[in-house]
Amino acid sequence: MVVFESVVNDHQRGLVASLAKEIWHDAYQDLLSVEQREYMIEKLQSFEAIKHDGMDYFLIYFDEVVCGYYAITTEDECLLISKIYILNNFRGKGILSKIIDKCKNESTHQCLRLYVNKENPALKAYEAKGFEIVRSVVKDIGEGYVMDDYCMEFEL
């Protein structure tokens, strides 16, 4: 059973930051250098970044075991699913579908939006869920690094 828990305190934020370190190094090991992963974790997924980025975070539990997290915010007329990160051994268990269904059912926006690294194998999973690539986005994140993503949307 999949359960989502709203992140509201520092203990939970610390848990998200800890999960980020493990998941990011696993998920991006073939896509980004160790240095870029470390930089992005510190800049985007550290305890301080999570505490102050203004997004709503949710811990994901599968059969009462914490297995990942996701975050949402608003961008234009869309609900931006800013982050979806699931521990490797919990992938393929229907968690992504539960997240997307929850966002669809609770959103009052015109669409769901997410950004995916152009080389990320998760691209196919999002396309299978009905998301379409709407544009290419290259964003400078400092220190000579960029995020080279596709912006994907699902019209509601």
Protein backbone atom coordinates (compact mmCIF):
# COMPACT_ATOMS: atom_id res chain seq x y z
CA MET A 1 0.00 0.00 0.00
CA VAL A 2 1.28 3.47 -0.93
CA VAL A 3 0.87 6.32 1.56
CA PHE A 4 1.95 9.95 1.22
CA GLU A 5 2.96 12.05 4.22
CA SER A 6 3.19 15.84 4.01
CA VAL A 7 6.62 17.11 5.06
CA VAL A 8 6.05 19.71 7.78
CA ASN A 9 8.95 19.46 10.23
CA ASP A 10 12.73 19.42 10.29
CA HIS A 11 12.95 15.69 11.01
CA GLN A 12 11.01 14.96 7.82
CA ARG A 13 13.09 17.48 5.84
CA GLY A 14 16.22 15.71 7.06
CA LEU A 15 14.77 12.41 5.89
CA VAL A 16 14.08 13.88 2.43
CA ALA A 17 17.65 15.25 2.24
CA SER A 18 19.03 11.85 3.24
CA LEU A 19 16.90 10.09 0.62
CA ALA A 20 18.04 12.62 -1.99
CA LYS A 21 21.70 11.74 -1.48
CA GLU A 22 21.05 8.05 -1.98
CA ILE A 23 18.55 8.31 -4.83
CA TRP A 24 20.34 11.01 -6.82
CA HIS A 25 23.65 9.15 -6.90
CA ASP A 26 21.88 5.99 -8.05
CA ALA A 27 19.47 7.59 -10.54
CA TYR A 28 22.00 9.90 -12.19
CA GLN A 29 25.21 7.86 -12.03
CA ASP A 30 25.19 7.29 -15.80
CA LEU A 31 23.95 10.80 -16.67
CA LEU A 32 25.86 13.27 -14.50
CA SER A 33 29.34 13.42 -13.01
CA VAL A 34 29.79 12.84 -9.28
CA GLU A 35 30.76 16.49 -8.95
CA GLN A 36 27.59 17.71 -10.67
CA ARG A 37 25.43 15.37 -8.59
CA GLU A 38 27.03 16.63 -5.37
CA TYR A 39 26.59 20.24 -6.47
CA MET A 40 22.94 19.73 -7.40
CA ILE A 41 22.15 17.84 -4.19
CA GLU A 42 23.64 20.67 -2.12
CA LYS A 43 21.98 23.41 -4.17
CA LEU A 44 18.56 21.79 -4.71
CA GLN A 45 18.07 18.92 -2.26
CA SER A 46 19.99 19.73 0.91
CA PHE A 47 18.13 20.25 4.17
CA GLU A 48 18.42 24.04 3.80
CA ALA A 49 17.29 24.02 0.16
CA ILE A 50 14.26 21.89 1.02
CA LYS A 51 13.39 24.09 3.99
CA HIS A 52 13.48 27.31 1.97
CA ASP A 53 12.47 26.49 -1.62
CA GLY A 54 8.74 27.04 -1.04
CA MET A 55 7.64 23.69 -2.43
CA ASP A 56 5.29 21.22 -0.79
CA TYR A 57 7.16 17.97 -0.14
CA PHE A 58 5.67 14.53 0.48
CA LEU A 59 7.39 11.43 1.79
CA ILE A 60 6.33 8.21 0.07
CA TYR A 61 5.76 5.03 2.04
CA PHE A 62 5.31 1.61 0.48
CA ASP A 63 4.02 -1.00 2.92
CA GLU A 64 5.03 1.34 5.78
CA VAL A 65 8.62 1.71 4.53
CA VAL A 66 9.79 5.14 3.43
CA CYS A 67 10.88 4.75 -0.18
CA GLY A 68 11.04 8.20 -1.70
CA TYR A 69 9.60 11.67 -1.97
CA TYR A 70 8.10 14.14 -4.35
CA ALA A 71 7.48 17.90 -4.34
CA ILE A 72 4.92 20.14 -5.99
CA THR A 73 4.46 23.83 -6.62
CA THR A 74 2.65 26.05 -9.11
CA GLU A 75 4.21 27.21 -12.38
CA ASP A 76 2.11 29.32 -14.73
CA GLU A 77 -1.27 27.59 -14.98
CA CYS A 78 0.17 24.18 -14.16
CA LEU A 79 0.80 22.08 -11.10
CA LEU A 80 4.53 21.46 -11.31
CA ILE A 81 5.59 18.08 -9.99
CA SER A 82 9.05 19.36 -9.30
CA LYS A 83 10.63 16.22 -7.96
CA ILE A 84 9.77 12.54 -8.01
CA TYR A 85 12.46 10.33 -6.49
CA ILE A 86 11.95 6.71 -5.53
CA LEU A 87 14.55 4.29 -4.19
CA ASN A 88 15.64 1.85 -6.89
CA ASN A 89 14.26 -1.30 -5.24
CA PHE A 90 10.79 0.30 -5.02
CA ARG A 91 10.55 1.30 -8.69
CA GLY A 92 8.08 -0.63 -10.81
CA LYS A 93 5.60 -1.05 -7.95
CA GLY A 94 2.99 1.44 -9.19
CA ILE A 95 4.18 4.33 -7.02
CA LEU A 96 4.55 6.74 -9.95
CA SER A 97 0.96 6.04 -11.00
CA LYS A 98 -0.25 6.78 -7.46
CA ILE A 99 1.61 10.10 -7.40
CA ILE A 100 0.25 11.17 -10.77
CA ASP A 101 -3.29 10.07 -9.88
CA LYS A 102 -3.12 12.01 -6.61
CA CYS A 103 -1.91 15.13 -8.44
CA LYS A 104 -4.60 14.77 -11.11
CA ASN A 105 -7.36 14.32 -8.56
CA GLU A 106 -6.31 17.14 -6.26
CA SER A 107 -5.17 19.75 -8.78
CA THR A 108 -7.26 22.75 -9.78
CA HIS A 109 -4.75 23.67 -12.48
CA GLN A 110 -4.98 23.33 -16.27
CA CYS A 111 -2.21 20.80 -16.49
CA LEU A 112 0.44 18.81 -14.70
CA ARG A 113 4.01 19.71 -15.61
CA LEU A 114 7.39 18.16 -14.91
CA TYR A 115 10.95 18.48 -16.14
CA VAL A 116 13.01 15.43 -17.03
CA ASN A 117 16.66 15.11 -17.98
CA LYS A 118 16.74 14.36 -21.71
CA GLU A 119 18.71 11.16 -21.11
CA ASN A 120 16.69 9.93 -18.11
CA PRO A 121 15.08 6.51 -18.70
CA ALA A 122 12.07 7.78 -16.68
CA LEU A 123 11.08 9.73 -19.81
CA LYS A 124 9.40 6.62 -21.19
CA ALA A 125 7.45 6.10 -17.94
CA TYR A 126 6.09 9.65 -18.08
CA GLU A 127 5.14 9.26 -21.74
CA ALA A 128 3.35 6.01 -20.87
CA LYS A 129 1.34 7.97 -18.27
CA GLY A 130 0.19 10.44 -20.93
CA PHE A 131 2.74 13.24 -20.51
CA GLU A 132 3.94 14.88 -23.72
CA ILE A 133 7.15 16.76 -24.41
CA VAL A 134 6.25 20.41 -25.00
CA ARG A 135 9.71 21.99 -25.17
CA SER A 136 13.39 21.60 -24.50
CA VAL A 137 14.87 23.58 -21.59
CA VAL A 138 18.53 24.20 -20.82
CA LYS A 139 18.97 26.00 -17.50
CA ASP A 140 22.24 27.30 -16.11
CA ILE A 141 22.46 26.29 -12.45
CA GLY A 142 25.88 27.76 -11.72
CA GLU A 143 29.45 26.47 -11.37
CA GLY A 144 29.46 25.65 -15.12
CA TYR A 145 26.60 23.14 -14.80
CA VAL A 146 23.32 23.09 -16.68
CA MET A 147 20.12 21.11 -16.46
CA ASP A 148 19.31 19.83 -19.95
CA ASP A 149 15.68 18.80 -19.69
CA TYR A 150 12.44 18.25 -21.51
CA CYS A 151 9.41 20.04 -20.16
CA MET A 152 6.54 17.55 -20.18
CA GLU A 153 2.85 18.25 -19.61
CA PHE A 154 -0.38 16.39 -19.07
CA GLU A 155 -3.51 18.40 -19.85
CA LEU A 156 -6.26 18.13 -17.23
